[in-house]
Protein backbone atom coordinates (compact mmCIF):
# COMPACT_ATOMS: atom_id res chain seq x y z
CA MET A 1 107.23 -63.56 -86.59
CA PRO A 2 104.47 -62.97 -83.99
CA ASN A 3 105.26 -61.31 -80.69
CA PRO A 4 105.55 -64.23 -78.21
CA MET A 5 104.19 -62.09 -75.38
CA SER A 6 100.83 -61.96 -77.17
CA LEU A 7 100.56 -65.74 -77.04
CA PRO A 8 98.84 -67.70 -74.24
CA ILE A 9 100.60 -68.02 -70.89
CA TRP A 10 101.62 -71.66 -71.42
CA PHE A 11 103.68 -70.61 -74.43
CA LYS A 12 105.26 -67.71 -72.57
CA TRP A 13 106.72 -70.23 -70.11
CA ILE A 14 108.21 -72.23 -73.01
CA TRP A 15 109.58 -69.04 -74.56
CA MET A 16 111.30 -67.84 -71.38
CA PHE A 17 112.77 -71.28 -70.69
CA GLU A 18 114.18 -71.70 -74.17
CA LEU A 19 115.47 -68.14 -74.26
CA HIS A 20 118.00 -69.10 -71.60
CA THR A 21 118.79 -72.68 -72.60
CA TYR A 22 118.61 -73.21 -76.36
CA PRO A 23 120.29 -71.75 -79.44
CA ILE A 24 118.35 -69.24 -81.50
CA SER A 25 117.62 -71.72 -84.31
CA LEU A 26 115.73 -74.00 -81.93
CA LEU A 27 114.01 -70.99 -80.41
CA VAL A 28 112.67 -69.91 -83.81
CA PHE A 29 111.58 -73.47 -84.54
CA SER A 30 109.67 -73.78 -81.25
CA LEU A 31 107.96 -70.43 -81.80
CA ASN A 32 106.82 -71.39 -85.28
CA LEU A 33 105.64 -74.76 -84.01
CA ALA A 34 103.57 -73.16 -81.27
CA VAL A 35 102.05 -70.65 -83.70
CA SER A 36 101.18 -73.53 -86.01
CA MET A 37 99.54 -75.39 -83.13
CA LEU A 38 97.48 -72.33 -82.25
CA SER A 39 96.47 -71.81 -85.87
CA ASP A 40 95.43 -75.45 -86.21
CA ARG A 41 93.42 -75.17 -83.01
CA ARG A 42 91.51 -72.15 -84.26
CA VAL A 43 90.84 -73.84 -87.59
CA ASP A 44 89.57 -76.83 -85.62
CA LEU A 45 87.25 -74.54 -83.66
CA THR A 46 85.98 -72.89 -86.82
CA LYS A 47 85.08 -76.28 -88.24
CA ILE A 48 83.36 -77.22 -85.01
CA TRP A 49 81.19 -74.09 -84.90
CA GLN A 50 80.22 -74.64 -88.53
CA SER A 51 79.27 -78.28 -87.96
CA GLY A 52 76.12 -77.72 -85.95
CA VAL A 53 77.58 -77.76 -82.44
CA VAL A 54 75.00 -76.59 -79.89
CA LEU A 55 76.35 -75.04 -76.70
CA GLU A 56 74.44 -73.40 -73.88
CA CYS A 57 76.16 -70.77 -71.74
CA VAL A 58 74.73 -69.80 -68.34
CA ILE A 59 76.47 -66.61 -67.25
CA ASN A 60 76.24 -65.34 -63.68
CA ILE A 61 76.49 -61.54 -63.47
CA SER A 62 77.07 -59.61 -60.24
CA GLU A 63 74.12 -57.26 -60.76
CA GLY A 64 70.53 -57.92 -59.78
CA ARG A 65 69.07 -54.55 -58.83
CA ASP A 66 69.56 -52.00 -61.60
CA VAL A 67 66.82 -52.80 -64.13
CA ASP A 68 68.18 -50.35 -66.71
CA ARG A 69 71.55 -52.07 -66.69
CA LEU A 70 69.95 -55.51 -66.80
CA THR A 71 67.90 -54.40 -69.80
CA GLN A 72 71.04 -53.22 -71.61
CA LEU A 73 72.75 -56.51 -70.86
CA ALA A 74 69.75 -58.49 -72.09
CA GLU A 75 69.48 -56.48 -75.30
CA ILE A 76 73.13 -57.05 -76.23
CA CYS A 77 72.44 -60.80 -76.26
CA ALA A 78 69.72 -60.37 -78.93
CA THR A 79 68.06 -63.62 -80.07
CA ASP A 80 70.69 -65.77 -78.34
CA LEU A 81 69.06 -64.97 -74.98
CA LEU A 82 66.85 -67.72 -73.51
CA ASP A 83 66.30 -66.44 -69.97
CA VAL A 84 67.24 -63.88 -67.33
CA HIS A 85 66.72 -64.61 -63.65
CA PHE A 86 67.66 -61.75 -61.33
CA ASP A 87 67.59 -61.40 -57.55
CA PRO A 88 67.96 -58.00 -55.82
CA GLU A 89 69.01 -59.52 -52.47
CA HIS A 90 71.67 -61.69 -54.07
CA ASN A 91 72.38 -58.73 -56.36
CA ARG A 92 73.02 -61.33 -59.01
CA SER A 93 71.55 -62.38 -62.36
CA VAL A 94 71.68 -65.57 -64.38
CA PHE A 95 71.68 -65.12 -68.17
CA THR A 96 70.98 -68.28 -70.17
CA LEU A 97 72.42 -67.97 -73.69
CA MET A 98 73.00 -70.05 -76.78
CA GLY A 99 76.26 -70.14 -78.70
CA ILE A 100 79.73 -68.63 -78.28
CA THR A 101 79.33 -65.04 -79.50
CA ALA A 102 76.62 -63.71 -77.16
CA PRO A 103 78.70 -64.59 -74.05
CA ARG A 104 81.46 -62.33 -75.33
CA ARG A 105 79.09 -59.44 -76.08
CA LEU A 106 77.49 -59.79 -72.66
CA THR A 107 80.83 -60.01 -70.86
CA GLU A 108 82.31 -57.00 -72.63
CA LEU A 109 79.30 -54.81 -71.83
CA ALA A 110 79.11 -56.01 -68.21
CA VAL A 111 82.76 -55.09 -67.70
CA GLN A 112 81.99 -51.61 -69.05
CA LEU A 113 78.89 -51.10 -66.89
CA LEU A 114 79.74 -52.73 -63.57
CA GLN A 115 82.33 -52.34 -60.83
CA LEU A 116 83.09 -55.10 -58.36
CA ASP A 117 84.18 -52.72 -55.60
CA MET A 118 80.70 -51.15 -55.68
CA HIS A 119 78.92 -54.49 -55.41
CA GLN A 120 76.97 -55.56 -52.33
CA GLY A 121 75.08 -58.86 -52.18
CA VAL A 122 74.75 -62.07 -50.21
CA HIS A 123 76.08 -64.42 -52.90
CA PRO A 124 79.85 -65.09 -53.04
CA ARG A 125 81.56 -63.80 -56.21
CA LEU A 126 84.98 -63.25 -57.75
CA GLY A 127 84.02 -60.87 -60.53
CA VAL A 128 81.34 -58.74 -62.16
CA VAL A 129 81.09 -61.55 -64.70
CA ASP A 130 81.43 -64.26 -62.11
CA VAL A 131 80.78 -67.60 -63.79
CA VAL A 132 80.78 -68.53 -67.49
CA PRO A 133 80.07 -72.24 -68.05
CA PHE A 134 79.70 -73.83 -71.50
CA ILE A 135 77.33 -76.81 -71.64
CA PRO A 136 77.02 -79.21 -74.59
CA LEU A 137 73.45 -79.82 -75.81
CA ASP A 138 71.94 -82.21 -78.35
CA GLU A 139 74.74 -84.28 -79.90
CA SER A 140 77.53 -81.88 -78.94
CA THR A 141 80.44 -83.15 -76.85
CA MET A 142 82.28 -82.09 -73.72
CA ARG A 143 85.42 -81.70 -75.84
CA GLU A 144 83.66 -78.99 -77.83
CA ALA A 145 82.55 -77.28 -74.62
CA ILE A 146 86.14 -77.37 -73.32
CA LEU A 147 87.38 -75.78 -76.55
CA ALA A 148 84.78 -73.03 -76.16
CA ARG A 149 85.81 -72.54 -72.52
CA ASP A 150 89.50 -72.23 -73.40
CA GLU A 151 88.84 -69.85 -76.30
CA PHE A 152 86.64 -67.64 -74.13
CA ALA A 153 89.26 -67.52 -71.38
CA HIS A 154 91.98 -66.62 -73.88
CA TRP A 155 89.75 -63.87 -75.31
CA ALA A 156 88.76 -62.44 -71.90
CA SER A 157 92.33 -62.42 -70.63
CA SER A 158 93.91 -61.00 -73.78
CA GLU A 159 91.20 -58.54 -74.88
CA LEU A 160 89.79 -57.46 -71.50
CA SER A 161 92.82 -58.15 -69.24
CA ILE A 162 90.68 -60.21 -66.88
CA PRO A 163 92.23 -63.19 -65.08
CA CYS A 164 90.37 -66.45 -65.68
CA PHE A 165 90.08 -69.50 -63.44
CA LEU A 166 89.17 -72.63 -65.41
CA TYR A 167 86.97 -75.40 -64.06
CA GLY A 168 85.72 -78.74 -65.33
CA ASP A 169 87.31 -82.15 -64.91
CA GLU A 170 90.49 -80.67 -63.46
CA ARG A 171 88.77 -78.76 -60.64
CA SER A 172 85.26 -77.78 -59.56
CA LEU A 173 83.74 -74.34 -59.16
CA PRO A 174 83.58 -74.79 -55.34
CA ASP A 175 87.32 -75.59 -55.44
CA ILE A 176 87.96 -72.23 -57.10
CA ARG A 177 85.78 -70.35 -54.62
CA ARG A 178 87.71 -71.88 -51.72
CA GLN A 179 91.21 -71.51 -53.15
CA ALA A 180 91.26 -68.53 -55.54
CA TRP A 181 94.02 -66.01 -54.75
CA ILE A 182 95.07 -68.12 -51.74
CA ASN A 183 96.74 -71.23 -53.14
CA LEU A 184 95.25 -71.14 -56.63
CA GLN A 185 96.27 -68.65 -59.31
CA PRO A 186 94.41 -67.97 -62.58
CA GLN A 187 95.11 -70.36 -65.42
CA CYS A 188 94.86 -67.55 -67.95
CA GLY A 189 95.56 -63.82 -67.86
CA PRO A 190 97.00 -61.50 -65.20
CA ASP A 191 97.97 -62.88 -61.79
CA VAL A 192 96.08 -60.13 -59.96
CA PRO A 193 92.37 -59.21 -60.11
CA HIS A 194 91.18 -56.68 -62.69
CA SER A 195 90.78 -53.31 -60.95
CA THR A 196 87.02 -53.10 -61.56
CA ALA A 197 85.98 -56.48 -62.99
CA GLY A 198 87.76 -58.90 -60.64
CA ALA A 199 88.14 -62.35 -62.18
CA VAL A 200 86.03 -64.81 -64.16
CA CYS A 201 85.43 -68.51 -63.51
CA VAL A 202 85.13 -70.13 -66.95
CA GLY A 203 83.96 -73.73 -67.13
CA ALA A 204 82.85 -76.67 -69.21
CA ARG A 205 80.24 -78.85 -67.56
CA ASP A 206 77.14 -80.94 -68.02
CA SER A 207 73.68 -79.49 -67.44
CA LEU A 208 72.69 -78.67 -63.89
CA VAL A 209 69.69 -77.05 -62.25
CA ALA A 210 70.01 -74.07 -59.90
CA TYR A 211 67.31 -74.33 -57.28
CA ASN A 212 66.37 -72.54 -54.05
CA VAL A 213 64.21 -73.59 -51.11
CA TRP A 214 63.15 -70.81 -48.74
CA LEU A 215 62.79 -71.46 -45.01
CA ASN A 216 60.32 -69.62 -42.79
CA PRO A 217 61.49 -66.33 -41.21
CA THR A 218 61.85 -67.78 -37.70
CA THR A 219 64.62 -70.16 -38.77
CA THR A 220 67.86 -69.60 -36.88
CA THR A 221 71.29 -69.26 -38.45
CA GLU A 222 72.50 -72.46 -36.85
CA THR A 223 69.51 -74.46 -38.08
CA ALA A 224 69.71 -73.12 -41.66
CA ARG A 225 73.40 -74.00 -41.91
CA LEU A 226 72.81 -77.43 -40.43
CA ILE A 227 70.05 -78.13 -42.97
CA ALA A 228 72.32 -77.07 -45.84
CA GLN A 229 75.17 -79.21 -44.52
CA THR A 230 72.96 -82.28 -44.10
CA VAL A 231 71.36 -81.99 -47.55
CA ARG A 232 74.72 -81.42 -49.27
CA GLY A 233 76.12 -84.37 -51.25
CA ASP A 234 74.81 -87.07 -53.59
CA GLY A 235 74.22 -84.71 -56.50
CA ILE A 236 73.46 -81.57 -54.48
CA ARG A 237 75.70 -78.61 -53.71
CA THR A 238 74.33 -76.24 -51.09
CA LEU A 239 74.79 -72.85 -49.50
CA ALA A 240 72.72 -71.39 -46.66
CA LEU A 241 72.19 -67.72 -47.49
CA ARG A 242 70.45 -65.03 -45.47
CA VAL A 243 68.19 -63.17 -47.90
CA GLY A 244 66.30 -60.29 -46.32
CA ASN A 245 64.56 -61.69 -43.26
CA GLN A 246 64.66 -65.31 -44.46
CA TRP A 247 67.15 -68.11 -44.89
CA GLN A 248 67.46 -69.74 -48.26
CA ILE A 249 68.96 -73.12 -49.08
CA SER A 250 70.62 -72.33 -52.41
CA MET A 251 71.39 -75.48 -54.41
CA ASN A 252 73.07 -76.64 -57.58
CA LEU A 253 71.67 -79.99 -58.70
CA ILE A 254 74.59 -81.43 -60.65
CA ASP A 255 72.82 -84.62 -61.74
CA PRO A 256 69.30 -83.26 -62.33
CA GLU A 257 67.87 -86.27 -64.14
CA ARG A 258 68.64 -88.41 -61.09
CA VAL A 259 68.39 -85.80 -58.33
CA GLY A 260 65.93 -83.21 -59.62
CA PRO A 261 64.09 -80.35 -57.92
CA ASP A 262 61.51 -82.73 -56.43
CA VAL A 263 64.14 -84.90 -54.78
CA ALA A 264 66.13 -81.89 -53.59
CA ALA A 265 63.08 -80.11 -52.18
CA ASP A 266 61.95 -83.26 -50.39
CA ARG A 267 65.37 -83.64 -48.78
CA VAL A 268 65.26 -80.06 -47.51
CA ILE A 269 61.67 -80.48 -46.29
CA ARG A 270 62.50 -83.72 -44.50
CA GLU A 271 65.54 -82.25 -42.78
CA ALA A 272 63.73 -78.99 -41.93
CA ARG A 273 60.95 -80.89 -40.20
CA GLN A 274 63.55 -82.52 -37.98
CA HIS A 275 64.14 -79.01 -36.62
CA ASN A 276 60.47 -77.91 -36.62
CA VAL A 277 61.11 -75.58 -39.55
CA GLU A 278 58.54 -75.02 -42.30
CA ILE A 279 59.24 -74.35 -45.96
CA SER A 280 58.10 -71.00 -47.35
CA ARG A 281 58.48 -71.66 -51.09
CA CYS A 282 60.60 -73.23 -53.82
CA GLU A 283 62.27 -71.39 -56.69
CA LEU A 284 63.75 -72.49 -60.01
CA VAL A 285 66.69 -70.30 -61.06
CA GLY A 286 67.01 -70.16 -64.83
CA LEU A 287 65.84 -73.10 -66.93
CA ILE A 288 65.51 -76.88 -66.70
CA SER A 289 65.65 -79.47 -69.47
CA GLN A 290 62.40 -81.02 -70.65
CA HIS A 291 63.83 -84.46 -69.97
CA ALA A 292 64.53 -83.62 -66.33
CA LEU A 293 61.09 -82.00 -66.00
CA ASN A 294 59.37 -85.09 -67.40
CA LYS A 295 60.74 -87.17 -64.54
CA ILE A 296 58.72 -85.10 -62.06
CA SER A 297 54.99 -85.59 -61.49
CA GLU A 298 53.09 -82.79 -63.22
CA GLN A 299 50.92 -82.47 -60.13
CA ARG A 300 53.94 -81.04 -58.29
CA TRP A 301 55.07 -78.53 -60.90
CA VAL A 302 53.29 -75.50 -59.40
CA GLU A 303 54.51 -76.34 -55.89
CA LEU A 304 58.08 -76.70 -57.18
CA ASP A 305 57.98 -73.58 -59.41
CA LEU A 306 58.29 -75.59 -62.63
CA SER A 307 56.61 -75.45 -66.03
CA THR A 308 57.12 -76.45 -69.65
CA GLU A 309 57.55 -72.77 -70.53
CA ARG A 310 60.70 -72.69 -68.41
CA THR A 311 62.50 -75.48 -70.20
CA ILE A 312 65.52 -75.01 -72.44
CA GLU A 313 63.70 -76.70 -75.31
CA PHE A 314 60.65 -74.43 -75.10
CA ARG A 315 62.76 -71.27 -75.11
CA ARG A 316 64.88 -72.48 -78.02
CA ASN A 317 61.70 -73.06 -80.03
CA HIS A 318 59.70 -70.00 -78.95
CA GLY A 319 62.31 -67.40 -78.02
CA TYR A 320 62.41 -65.10 -75.02
CA THR A 321 62.09 -61.39 -74.31
CA PHE A 322 63.40 -59.93 -71.06
CA ALA A 323 60.84 -57.96 -69.07
CA ALA A 324 61.71 -56.84 -65.55
């Protein structure tokens, strides 16, 4: 009989409850039932991965300055790596991967190389491996992405002893950032942060575009925050971040085929002009889908920091090699 303490946390609750309330025969039955459920679930996952499921995973790592470490992290991903975007001021990198195995290799190495208590950067974070979202592509489904999310969280918590906060339909990533360790505990793993790795936010979501608009250096703190607040909503999540001597409106475009980089940039520009603020430049973080790119006039691609070469589809077809 398996050790019940090695099973996921939801089963531990059942085990402890039944230990005090039910006879041993029912206890054995419930344990075997739970093990059977877990076995069936893993068989189900095996079938899914063998059936042509295509999942993207966009991992945010709390390291954006040490090129040697970034190179090691990129190399461990091998041919599953589609892109690395790193920012020394944020001290953060975005690794775009394909599949379910490269995220584990990357996470394991990052936990070995990095320490959260040594990290300094302007972007909020909970861990050295901060965000791990699984995104269904092609004909894959959100159910398959959720299964990948849950399996990754179980692996990270059991093998690496890292607490995992789950996001998706039940809660958003901003919800976790606001509530973690205050009135929200991890859904998987220890109930305290890992001593060097912190915690991981593991999600299942649709495609989004990470996008930055830089304001000119004379912009005040009050104005930058007001612009971010006004632009926020209707498909755009925003943060106003001080990066070096400039303010940046950092955005997640959560419905990029409706509200893409062009729409988002125009909203920032329009609001900035209300405060006599000029835009310095725009920046795509990571990749964009070809479908979302096609909705934007090609005449604006250079201005908006966009190109066919930075689409998910192009990188899947042509590959990618990290070069700092």
